C-alpha atoms as a PDB file:
ATOM      1  CA  MET A   1     -39.283  35.040 -36.924  1.00  0.00           C
ATOM      2  CA  LYS A   2     -38.573  31.341 -37.120  1.00  0.00           C
ATOM      3  CA  SER A   3     -37.276  29.431 -34.055  1.00  0.00           C
ATOM      4  CA  SER A   4     -35.114  26.331 -33.985  1.00  0.00           C
ATOM      5  CA  PHE A   5     -38.110  24.354 -32.770  1.00  0.00           C
ATOM      6  CA  ASP A   6     -39.815  25.005 -36.113  1.00  0.00           C
ATOM      7  CA  ASP A   7     -36.990  23.115 -37.867  1.00  0.00           C
ATOM      8  CA  PHE A   8     -37.481  19.983 -35.737  1.00  0.00           C
ATOM      9  CA  SER A   9     -39.476  17.318 -37.471  1.00  0.00           C
ATOM     10  CA  GLY A  10     -41.212  14.567 -35.526  1.00  0.00           C
ATOM     11  CA  ASP A  11     -39.155  11.856 -37.248  1.00  0.00           C
ATOM     12  CA  GLU A  12     -35.851  12.774 -35.535  1.00  0.00           C
ATOM     13  CA  GLU A  13     -34.940  11.571 -32.041  1.00  0.00           C
ATOM     14  CA  ALA A  14     -33.340  13.823 -29.457  1.00  0.00           C
ATOM     15  CA  THR A  15     -30.021  12.395 -28.199  1.00  0.00           C
ATOM     16  CA  ILE A  16     -27.694  13.234 -25.361  1.00  0.00           C
ATOM     17  CA  ASP A  17     -23.973  13.109 -26.024  1.00  0.00           C
ATOM     18  CA  LEU A  18     -22.485  10.835 -23.329  1.00  0.00           C
ATOM     19  CA  THR A  19     -18.848  11.431 -24.280  1.00  0.00           C
ATOM     20  CA  PRO A  20     -18.219  14.164 -21.637  1.00  0.00           C
ATOM     21  CA  LEU A  21     -19.851  12.008 -18.947  1.00  0.00           C
ATOM     22  CA  ILE A  22     -17.660   9.035 -19.850  1.00  0.00           C
ATOM     23  CA  ASP A  23     -14.576  11.285 -19.817  1.00  0.00           C
ATOM     24  CA  VAL A  24     -15.401  12.548 -16.325  1.00  0.00           C
ATOM     25  CA  ILE A  25     -16.021   9.036 -15.005  1.00  0.00           C
ATOM     26  CA  PHE A  26     -12.739   7.823 -16.516  1.00  0.00           C
ATOM     27  CA  MET A  27     -10.826  10.721 -14.938  1.00  0.00           C
ATOM     28  CA  LEU A  28     -12.394   9.991 -11.529  1.00  0.00           C
ATOM     29  CA  LEU A  29     -11.474   6.335 -11.848  1.00  0.00           C
ATOM     30  CA  VAL A  30      -7.860   7.198 -12.693  1.00  0.00           C
ATOM     31  CA  PHE A  31      -7.726   9.671  -9.793  1.00  0.00           C
ATOM     32  CA  PHE A  32      -8.925   7.123  -7.240  1.00  0.00           C
ATOM     33  CA  ILE A  33      -6.579   4.424  -8.517  1.00  0.00           C
ATOM     34  CA  VAL A  34      -3.572   6.734  -8.289  1.00  0.00           C
ATOM     35  CA  ALA A  35      -4.616   8.241  -4.946  1.00  0.00           C
ATOM     36  CA  THR A  36      -5.055   4.871  -3.239  1.00  0.00           C
ATOM     37  CA  ALA A  37      -2.071   3.931  -1.130  1.00  0.00           C
ATOM     38  CA  PHE A  38      -0.899   0.402  -1.815  1.00  0.00           C
ATOM     39  CA  VAL A  39       1.296  -1.244   0.798  1.00  0.00           C
ATOM     40  CA  LYS A  40       4.009  -3.137  -0.976  1.00  0.00           C
ATOM     41  CA  PRO A  41       7.563  -4.136  -0.155  1.00  0.00           C
ATOM     42  CA  GLN A  42      10.379  -1.972  -1.515  1.00  0.00           C
ATOM     43  CA  PHE A  43      11.592  -4.818  -3.728  1.00  0.00           C
ATOM     44  CA  GLU A  44      10.543  -8.365  -4.501  1.00  0.00           C
ATOM     45  CA  VAL A  45      10.696 -10.618  -1.455  1.00  0.00           C
ATOM     46  CA  ASN A  46       9.540 -14.190  -1.009  1.00  0.00           C
ATOM     47  CA  LEU A  47       7.221 -13.988   1.961  1.00  0.00           C
ATOM     48  CA  PRO A  48       6.824 -17.048   4.182  1.00  0.00           C
ATOM     49  CA  GLU A  49       3.516 -18.903   4.093  1.00  0.00           C
ATOM     50  CA  ALA A  50       1.158 -19.080   7.069  1.00  0.00           C
ATOM     51  CA  GLY A  51      -2.107 -20.950   7.450  1.00  0.00           C
ATOM     52  CA  MET A  52      -3.691 -18.476   9.875  1.00  0.00           C
ATOM     53  CA  ALA A  53      -2.918 -15.285   7.906  1.00  0.00           C
ATOM     54  CA  GLU A  54      -5.345 -12.380   8.277  1.00  0.00           C
ATOM     55  CA  VAL A  55      -5.889  -9.275   6.196  1.00  0.00           C
ATOM     56  CA  ALA A  56      -4.189  -6.204   7.687  1.00  0.00           C
ATOM     57  CA  ASN A  57      -6.142  -3.011   8.369  1.00  0.00           C
ATOM     58  CA  ASP A  58      -4.862  -0.364   5.930  1.00  0.00           C
ATOM     59  CA  SER A  59      -6.678   2.537   7.574  1.00  0.00           C
ATOM     60  CA  GLU A  60      -4.027   2.983  10.280  1.00  0.00           C
ATOM     61  CA  LYS A  61      -0.897   5.075   9.849  1.00  0.00           C
ATOM     62  CA  SER A  62       1.957   2.736   9.122  1.00  0.00           C
ATOM     63  CA  CYS A  63       5.558   2.525   8.049  1.00  0.00           C
ATOM     64  CA  THR A  64       7.053  -0.233   5.933  1.00  0.00           C
ATOM     65  CA  ILE A  65      10.201  -2.167   6.744  1.00  0.00           C
ATOM     66  CA  THR A  66      11.546  -4.626   4.191  1.00  0.00           C
ATOM     67  CA  ILE A  67      14.225  -7.188   5.050  1.00  0.00           C
ATOM     68  CA  SER A  68      15.969  -8.854   2.123  1.00  0.00           C
ATOM     69  CA  ALA A  69      17.225 -12.433   1.967  1.00  0.00           C
ATOM     70  CA  GLU A  70      20.723 -11.025   2.574  1.00  0.00           C
ATOM     71  CA  GLY A  71      19.587  -9.287   5.781  1.00  0.00           C
ATOM     72  CA  GLU A  72      19.543  -5.725   4.424  1.00  0.00           C
ATOM     73  CA  ILE A  73      16.942  -3.524   6.108  1.00  0.00           C
ATOM     74  CA  PHE A  74      14.989  -0.886   4.180  1.00  0.00           C
ATOM     75  CA  PHE A  75      12.851   1.604   6.095  1.00  0.00           C
ATOM     76  CA  ASP A  76      10.209   3.286   3.916  1.00  0.00           C
ATOM     77  CA  GLY A  77      12.376   2.792   0.842  1.00  0.00           C
ATOM     78  CA  LYS A  78      15.792   3.775   2.110  1.00  0.00           C
ATOM     79  CA  LYS A  79      18.491   1.418   3.298  1.00  0.00           C
ATOM     80  CA  VAL A  80      19.149   1.584   7.038  1.00  0.00           C
ATOM     81  CA  GLU A  81      22.013   0.055   8.964  1.00  0.00           C
ATOM     82  CA  THR A  82      21.064  -1.910  12.077  1.00  0.00           C
ATOM     83  CA  GLU A  83      22.780   0.708  14.267  1.00  0.00           C
ATOM     84  CA  ASN A  84      20.522   3.475  12.858  1.00  0.00           C
ATOM     85  CA  LEU A  85      17.294   1.499  13.157  1.00  0.00           C
ATOM     86  CA  ALA A  86      16.518   3.011  16.574  1.00  0.00           C
ATOM     87  CA  THR A  87      16.600   6.547  15.153  1.00  0.00           C
ATOM     88  CA  GLU A  88      14.197   5.627  12.362  1.00  0.00           C
ATOM     89  CA  LEU A  89      11.795   3.903  14.746  1.00  0.00           C
ATOM     90  CA  GLU A  90      11.760   6.918  17.090  1.00  0.00           C
ATOM     91  CA  SER A  91      10.469   9.133  14.304  1.00  0.00           C
ATOM     92  CA  HIS A  92       7.534   6.732  13.712  1.00  0.00           C
ATOM     93  CA  ASP A  93       6.460   6.062  17.322  1.00  0.00           C
ATOM     94  CA  ASP A  94       2.718   6.284  16.732  1.00  0.00           C
ATOM     95  CA  GLN A  95       2.635   4.152  13.591  1.00  0.00           C
ATOM     96  CA  THR A  96       2.048   0.474  12.920  1.00  0.00           C
ATOM     97  CA  ILE A  97       5.148  -1.272  11.591  1.00  0.00           C
ATOM     98  CA  LYS A  98       4.516  -3.499   8.569  1.00  0.00           C
ATOM     99  CA  VAL A  99       7.404  -5.909   8.060  1.00  0.00           C
ATOM    100  CA  PHE A 100       8.042  -7.611   4.730  1.00  0.00           C
ATOM    101  CA  ALA A 101      10.766 -10.108   5.652  1.00  0.00           C
ATOM    102  CA  ASP A 102      12.013 -12.531   3.016  1.00  0.00           C
ATOM    103  CA  GLU A 103      11.559 -16.163   4.043  1.00  0.00           C
ATOM    104  CA  LEU A 104      15.346 -16.572   3.820  1.00  0.00           C
ATOM    105  CA  ALA A 105      16.159 -13.407   5.801  1.00  0.00           C
ATOM    106  CA  PRO A 106      18.633 -14.027   8.611  1.00  0.00           C
ATOM    107  CA  PHE A 107      16.977 -14.162  12.006  1.00  0.00           C
ATOM    108  CA  LYS A 108      19.623 -11.728  13.256  1.00  0.00           C
ATOM    109  CA  SER A 109      18.116  -8.910  11.147  1.00  0.00           C
ATOM    110  CA  VAL A 110      14.533  -9.752  12.113  1.00  0.00           C
ATOM    111  CA  PHE A 111      15.497  -9.988  15.780  1.00  0.00           C
ATOM    112  CA  ALA A 112      17.344  -6.634  15.646  1.00  0.00           C
ATOM    113  CA  LEU A 113      14.154  -5.019  14.363  1.00  0.00           C
ATOM    114  CA  MET A 114      11.988  -6.675  17.012  1.00  0.00           C
ATOM    115  CA  ASP A 115      14.447  -5.750  19.785  1.00  0.00           C
ATOM    116  CA  GLU A 116      14.564  -2.063  18.789  1.00  0.00           C
ATOM    117  CA  ALA A 117      10.780  -1.917  18.411  1.00  0.00           C
ATOM    118  CA  LYS A 118      10.353  -3.397  21.902  1.00  0.00           C
ATOM    119  CA  LYS A 119      12.787  -0.847  23.367  1.00  0.00           C
ATOM    120  CA  ARG A 120      10.762   1.960  21.746  1.00  0.00           C
ATOM    121  CA  LYS A 121       7.527   0.402  23.066  1.00  0.00           C
ATOM    122  CA  HIS A 122       5.982  -0.104  19.635  1.00  0.00           C
ATOM    123  CA  GLU A 123       2.796  -2.011  20.291  1.00  0.00           C
ATOM    124  CA  LYS A 124       1.845  -3.033  16.789  1.00  0.00           C
ATOM    125  CA  ILE A 125       4.169  -4.918  14.463  1.00  0.00           C
ATOM    126  CA  LEU A 126       2.602  -6.779  11.552  1.00  0.00           C
ATOM    127  CA  PHE A 127       4.594  -9.418   9.700  1.00  0.00           C
ATOM    128  CA  MET A 128       3.349  -9.794   6.134  1.00  0.00           C
ATOM    129  CA  VAL A 129       2.974 -13.382   4.931  1.00  0.00           C
ATOM    130  CA  GLU A 130       1.451 -15.304   2.061  1.00  0.00           C
ATOM    131  CA  LYS A 131      -1.676 -17.245   2.939  1.00  0.00           C
ATOM    132  CA  LYS A 132      -1.195 -20.994   2.528  1.00  0.00           C
ATOM    133  CA  ARG A 133      -3.175 -22.472  -0.318  1.00  0.00           C
ATOM    134  CA  ASP A 134      -5.036 -25.621   0.594  1.00  0.00           C
END
């Protein structure tokens, strides 16, 4: 009986097909990119610039509030009237609030948010800004 080893001549090189390995690595890469939570505003806002900006810690539980240049407030993607802001904040008591306020947003809207957060004893409010370029 002849085995497959008898057919192997010394001139041929043994190779390993790397295609399945590359496929698995690509799928893992896609998974981690999709699974990563990116904190972004609900729509395009022009953030104010600040010279002392720091990078926010993304490991904490947070909610996102976006304030448009017209003063509209969006809480985690849905539009909220100023009167209903307290209800939304109550349901996120233990979370950090990340505020994306347009540089032209009326102070009235920003102040309403800060006032309600203070009433609810939110301890951590982060205002997102663009770092000034030197």
